[in-house]
Protein backbone atom coordinates (compact mmCIF):
# COMPACT_ATOMS: atom_id res chain seq x y z
CA UNK A 1 89.32 98.76 90.54
CA UNK A 2 86.93 100.12 87.41
CA UNK A 3 89.82 101.68 86.05
CA UNK A 4 92.00 98.40 86.52
CA UNK A 5 89.24 96.90 84.73
CA UNK A 6 89.07 99.00 81.62
CA UNK A 7 92.79 98.69 81.11
CA UNK A 8 92.61 94.86 81.44
CA UNK A 9 89.76 94.96 78.77
CA UNK A 10 92.35 96.41 76.18
CA UNK A 11 93.59 93.92 73.91
CA UNK A 12 97.07 93.19 73.34
CA UNK A 13 97.73 95.12 70.79
CA UNK A 14 95.61 98.29 72.40
CA UNK A 15 97.57 97.67 75.32
CA UNK A 16 101.06 97.74 73.46
CA UNK A 17 99.69 100.73 71.57
CA UNK A 18 98.68 102.75 75.17
CA UNK A 19 102.08 102.18 76.69
CA UNK A 20 104.31 103.16 73.23
CA UNK A 21 102.55 106.40 73.44
CA UNK A 22 103.35 107.10 77.11
CA UNK A 23 107.14 106.48 76.10
CA UNK A 24 107.28 108.36 73.08
CA UNK A 25 105.40 111.25 75.21
CA UNK A 26 107.99 111.19 77.76
CA UNK A 27 110.61 110.81 74.78
CA UNK A 28 109.24 114.14 73.49
CA UNK A 29 109.51 116.04 76.72
CA UNK A 30 113.05 114.88 76.94
CA UNK A 31 113.82 116.10 73.63
CA UNK A 32 112.36 119.43 73.86
CA UNK A 33 113.78 120.10 77.83
CA UNK A 34 117.73 118.90 76.48
CA UNK A 35 117.63 120.05 73.06
CA UNK A 36 118.33 116.33 71.72
CA UNK A 37 117.08 114.78 68.47
CA UNK A 38 117.02 111.55 68.38
CA UNK A 39 115.90 109.61 65.06
CA UNK A 40 113.05 107.67 64.13
CA UNK A 41 114.98 104.16 64.38
CA UNK A 42 116.38 105.16 67.92
CA UNK A 43 112.96 106.35 69.16
CA UNK A 44 111.65 103.01 68.12
CA UNK A 45 114.83 101.34 69.40
CA UNK A 46 113.86 102.51 72.70
CA UNK A 47 110.03 102.14 72.77
CA UNK A 48 110.31 98.25 71.97
CA UNK A 49 112.89 98.04 74.75
CA UNK A 50 111.00 100.32 77.03
CA UNK A 51 107.21 98.77 76.87
CA UNK A 52 108.27 95.79 79.44
CA UNK A 53 109.35 98.53 81.93
CA UNK A 54 106.63 100.52 81.17
CA UNK A 55 103.92 97.88 82.06
CA UNK A 56 105.45 96.88 85.01
CA UNK A 57 105.42 100.17 86.45
CA UNK A 58 102.05 100.62 85.37
CA UNK A 59 100.73 97.56 87.43
CA UNK A 60 102.88 99.04 90.28
CA UNK A 61 101.10 102.27 90.21
CA UNK A 62 97.98 101.36 90.10
CA UNK A 63 98.04 99.10 93.00
CA UNK A 64 100.01 101.39 94.84
CA UNK A 65 97.39 103.94 94.59
CA UNK A 66 94.34 100.76 94.96
CA UNK A 67 96.36 99.84 98.37
CA UNK A 68 96.26 103.41 99.27
CA UNK A 69 92.66 103.86 98.52
CA UNK A 70 91.49 101.00 100.19
CA UNK A 71 93.06 101.49 103.79
CA UNK A 72 92.02 105.23 103.34
CA UNK A 73 88.13 103.86 103.39
CA UNK A 74 88.52 100.99 105.68
CA UNK A 75 90.12 103.88 107.97
CA UNK A 76 86.87 105.68 108.12
CA UNK A 77 84.82 102.52 109.34
CA UNK A 78 87.15 101.46 111.96
CA UNK A 79 90.94 101.68 113.33
CA UNK A 80 93.85 100.32 111.28
CA UNK A 81 95.84 97.19 112.75
CA UNK A 82 98.24 95.02 111.63
CA UNK A 83 95.41 92.33 111.36
CA UNK A 84 93.29 95.03 109.01
CA UNK A 85 96.40 95.95 106.86
CA UNK A 86 97.47 92.44 106.01
CA UNK A 87 93.69 91.70 105.13
CA UNK A 88 93.68 94.65 102.68
CA UNK A 89 96.88 93.33 101.01
CA UNK A 90 95.34 90.31 100.93
CA UNK A 91 92.19 91.46 99.37
CA UNK A 92 94.45 93.68 96.98
CA UNK A 93 96.22 90.51 95.93
CA UNK A 94 93.13 88.34 95.29
CA UNK A 95 91.84 91.01 93.37
CA UNK A 96 95.33 90.98 91.11
CA UNK A 97 94.95 87.33 90.95
CA UNK A 98 91.07 88.08 89.73
CA UNK A 99 92.69 90.81 87.10
CA UNK A 100 95.01 88.48 85.53
CA UNK A 101 93.02 85.73 85.17
CA UNK A 102 90.90 87.90 83.26
CA UNK A 103 93.29 89.39 81.31
CA UNK A 104 94.13 85.42 79.76
CA UNK A 105 90.48 85.65 78.69
CA UNK A 106 91.36 88.79 76.50
CA UNK A 107 93.06 88.41 72.72
CA UNK A 108 96.75 89.42 73.05
CA UNK A 109 96.38 89.12 76.63
CA UNK A 110 98.18 86.68 79.28
CA UNK A 111 97.88 86.59 82.75
CA UNK A 112 101.55 86.38 84.87
CA UNK A 113 101.86 85.61 88.18
CA UNK A 114 104.78 87.97 88.60
CA UNK A 115 102.32 90.82 87.62
CA UNK A 116 100.25 89.38 90.63
CA UNK A 117 102.91 89.82 92.77
CA UNK A 118 104.12 93.47 91.23
CA UNK A 119 100.76 94.50 91.96
CA UNK A 120 100.69 93.04 95.29
CA UNK A 121 104.20 94.99 96.12
CA UNK A 122 102.37 97.83 94.53
CA UNK A 123 99.60 97.66 96.94
CA UNK A 124 102.02 96.98 99.77
CA UNK A 125 103.89 100.24 99.43
CA UNK A 126 100.81 102.13 99.16
CA UNK A 127 99.75 100.64 102.71
CA UNK A 128 102.94 101.42 104.05
CA UNK A 129 102.78 105.40 102.21
CA UNK A 130 99.45 105.81 104.34
CA UNK A 131 101.08 104.58 107.51
CA UNK A 132 104.05 107.26 107.17
CA UNK A 133 101.57 109.95 106.27
CA UNK A 134 99.22 109.50 109.19
CA UNK A 135 101.80 109.19 111.60
CA UNK A 136 103.49 111.88 109.87
CA UNK A 137 100.72 113.84 110.59
CA UNK A 138 99.53 112.67 113.82
CA UNK A 139 103.04 113.40 115.45
CA UNK A 140 102.89 117.20 114.07
CA UNK A 141 99.54 117.50 115.46
């Protein structure tokens, strides 16, 4: 939650630079692996087109980890049931709402409900992943 909060503290300009850096790094890796070379204009065009996708993917990944960690902590104190899993998902949803509200206070940022839904989907996938891993381990024993 602290990492998510710190990312949300970034201004719009800083956040865009971070997203662009991730994309540039990916392009450099692809160019090295494939021996393809792109012009600066091609790279810039790709970055502009990809920033939105990278940001949404970051939301999904951050909250995937949050859901996974949340259920992992809770299972140390109690057995996990559907009701408790829904509580965890609800808590992640509420945190996503507060995170988007927080972003509305940051220059160059805004809060979007679609991001709350993406965040919640990420948490849901983290919780489901926990179940899949847990049940696989349980049936191996």
